Protein backbone atom coordinates (compact mmCIF):
# COMPACT_ATOMS: atom_id res chain seq x y z
CA MET A 1 93.88 94.95 106.00
CA GLU A 2 93.22 94.77 109.68
CA THR A 3 89.48 95.10 110.39
CA SER A 4 88.98 93.24 113.64
CA ALA A 5 88.59 96.43 115.65
CA ILE A 6 85.65 97.62 113.54
CA LEU A 7 83.74 94.36 113.32
CA SER A 8 81.42 94.82 116.30
CA TRP A 9 78.71 97.41 116.71
CA THR A 10 75.87 97.79 119.15
CA LEU A 11 72.54 99.27 118.12
CA VAL A 12 70.82 100.86 121.18
CA SER A 13 67.42 102.03 119.87
CA GLU A 14 65.64 103.00 116.71
CA CYS A 15 65.85 106.75 115.84
CA PRO A 16 64.82 109.09 113.07
CA ILE A 17 67.01 108.92 109.94
CA PRO A 18 69.75 111.53 110.28
CA GLU A 19 69.41 114.29 107.68
CA ASP A 20 73.14 114.38 107.00
CA VAL A 21 73.05 110.78 105.65
CA THR A 22 71.22 111.99 102.46
CA PRO A 23 74.47 113.27 100.76
CA LEU A 24 76.01 109.82 101.18
CA LEU A 25 73.25 108.03 99.22
CA VAL A 26 73.69 107.17 95.56
CA GLU A 27 71.01 107.55 92.92
CA GLY A 28 68.12 105.18 93.66
CA GLU A 29 69.31 104.45 97.17
CA ARG A 30 67.04 105.32 100.10
CA ALA A 31 67.41 105.04 103.87
CA VAL A 32 65.09 102.52 105.38
CA ALA A 33 65.85 102.51 109.14
CA ALA A 34 68.24 104.16 111.58
CA TYR A 35 69.44 103.20 115.02
CA LYS A 36 71.43 104.96 117.72
CA THR A 37 74.76 103.45 118.52
CA PHE A 38 76.77 104.30 121.68
CA ARG A 39 78.52 107.24 119.92
CA ASP A 40 76.46 107.96 116.80
CA SER A 41 74.18 106.07 114.44
CA ALA A 42 73.75 103.21 112.00
CA VAL A 43 71.54 103.52 108.90
CA PHE A 44 70.17 100.63 106.87
CA THR A 45 69.51 101.68 103.31
CA THR A 46 68.29 99.80 100.30
CA HIS A 47 71.92 99.11 99.30
CA ARG A 48 74.12 99.02 102.45
CA LEU A 49 74.59 99.53 106.12
CA ILE A 50 76.21 102.92 106.95
CA VAL A 51 77.65 103.26 110.47
CA ARG A 52 78.74 106.69 111.67
CA ASP A 53 81.31 106.72 114.48
CA ALA A 54 81.97 110.01 116.21
CA GLN A 55 85.43 110.17 117.65
CA GLY A 56 87.27 112.35 120.12
CA LEU A 57 85.94 114.16 123.21
CA ARG A 58 83.58 116.42 121.29
CA GLY A 59 82.80 114.02 118.45
CA LYS A 60 83.73 116.43 115.74
CA LYS A 61 85.75 113.83 113.88
CA VAL A 62 83.44 111.31 112.26
CA GLU A 63 84.43 108.08 110.62
CA ILE A 64 81.88 106.49 108.33
CA TYR A 65 81.80 102.71 107.58
CA SER A 66 79.88 101.55 104.52
CA LEU A 67 79.05 97.88 104.24
CA PRO A 68 77.34 97.07 100.86
CA TYR A 69 74.86 94.23 101.21
CA SER A 70 76.52 92.67 98.07
CA THR A 71 79.52 91.73 100.26
CA ILE A 72 77.46 89.59 102.63
CA ASN A 73 78.06 85.86 102.02
CA MET A 74 75.99 84.57 104.95
CA TRP A 75 74.20 85.98 108.01
CA SER A 76 72.53 84.71 111.14
CA SER A 77 70.18 86.32 113.59
CA GLU A 78 69.40 85.41 117.15
CA ASN A 79 66.43 86.85 119.05
CA ALA A 80 66.66 87.73 122.72
CA GLY A 81 65.72 84.97 125.12
CA LYS A 82 63.43 85.34 128.10
CA LEU A 83 64.69 86.05 131.60
CA LEU A 84 68.30 87.16 131.69
CA ASP A 85 69.07 87.32 127.95
CA PHE A 86 67.88 90.79 126.85
CA ASN A 87 69.97 91.31 123.71
CA ALA A 88 69.49 89.98 120.19
CA GLU A 89 72.28 89.81 117.68
CA LEU A 90 72.93 89.81 114.04
CA GLU A 91 76.09 88.26 112.57
CA LEU A 92 77.29 88.96 109.04
CA TRP A 93 79.97 87.01 107.24
CA THR A 94 81.37 89.31 104.52
CA ARG A 95 84.38 89.76 102.26
CA ALA A 96 85.64 92.21 104.87
CA GLY A 97 85.37 89.61 107.67
CA HIS A 98 82.92 88.57 110.36
CA ILE A 99 80.76 91.38 111.71
CA LYS A 100 78.67 91.21 114.88
CA VAL A 101 75.84 93.63 115.49
CA ASN A 102 74.48 93.55 119.02
CA LEU A 103 70.85 94.72 119.43
CA GLN A 104 69.66 96.14 122.67
CA LYS A 105 66.30 95.27 124.07
CA GLY A 106 63.32 96.52 121.95
CA ILE A 107 65.02 96.37 118.57
CA ASP A 108 63.19 93.96 116.22
CA VAL A 109 65.89 91.53 115.01
CA ARG A 110 63.47 89.83 112.65
CA ARG A 111 62.84 93.17 110.88
CA LEU A 112 66.53 93.57 110.29
CA ASP A 113 66.87 89.95 109.24
CA ARG A 114 64.16 90.52 106.64
CA LEU A 115 65.74 93.77 105.47
CA ILE A 116 69.07 92.05 104.86
CA ALA A 117 67.41 89.06 103.25
CA ASP A 118 65.47 91.36 100.82
CA ALA A 119 68.68 93.30 99.98
CA VAL A 120 71.01 90.32 99.60
CA LEU A 121 68.46 88.24 97.64
CA GLY A 122 67.56 91.16 95.42
CA THR A 123 63.92 91.81 96.40
CA LEU A 124 64.54 95.19 98.02
CA ALA A 125 64.16 98.15 95.71
């Protein structure tokens, strides 16, 4: 399976949780935080990361990626530096491969780090 093309996403800013994500959730799962991406959104739930990717000129075709936290073997987070380094990043090593999530200025990387830690280590419910 070739996944290298899908293994990098950029989160632009926090946004309200999209209403149309609710039908995707399983029993007992809840959305925790949502972020705008360049074309659509990414939603962190209690069980997984859901990334919606609108395609085409009008964005009517939507591809949905679902990354269960249970597939994460290791992760790292890097906060933004001072002067010229505005972006933070989160890297996930999973059974699907290496995933890089770039975070634009203003997104709290430590909040996402804690969310993933709670989910992977089993303390998020």
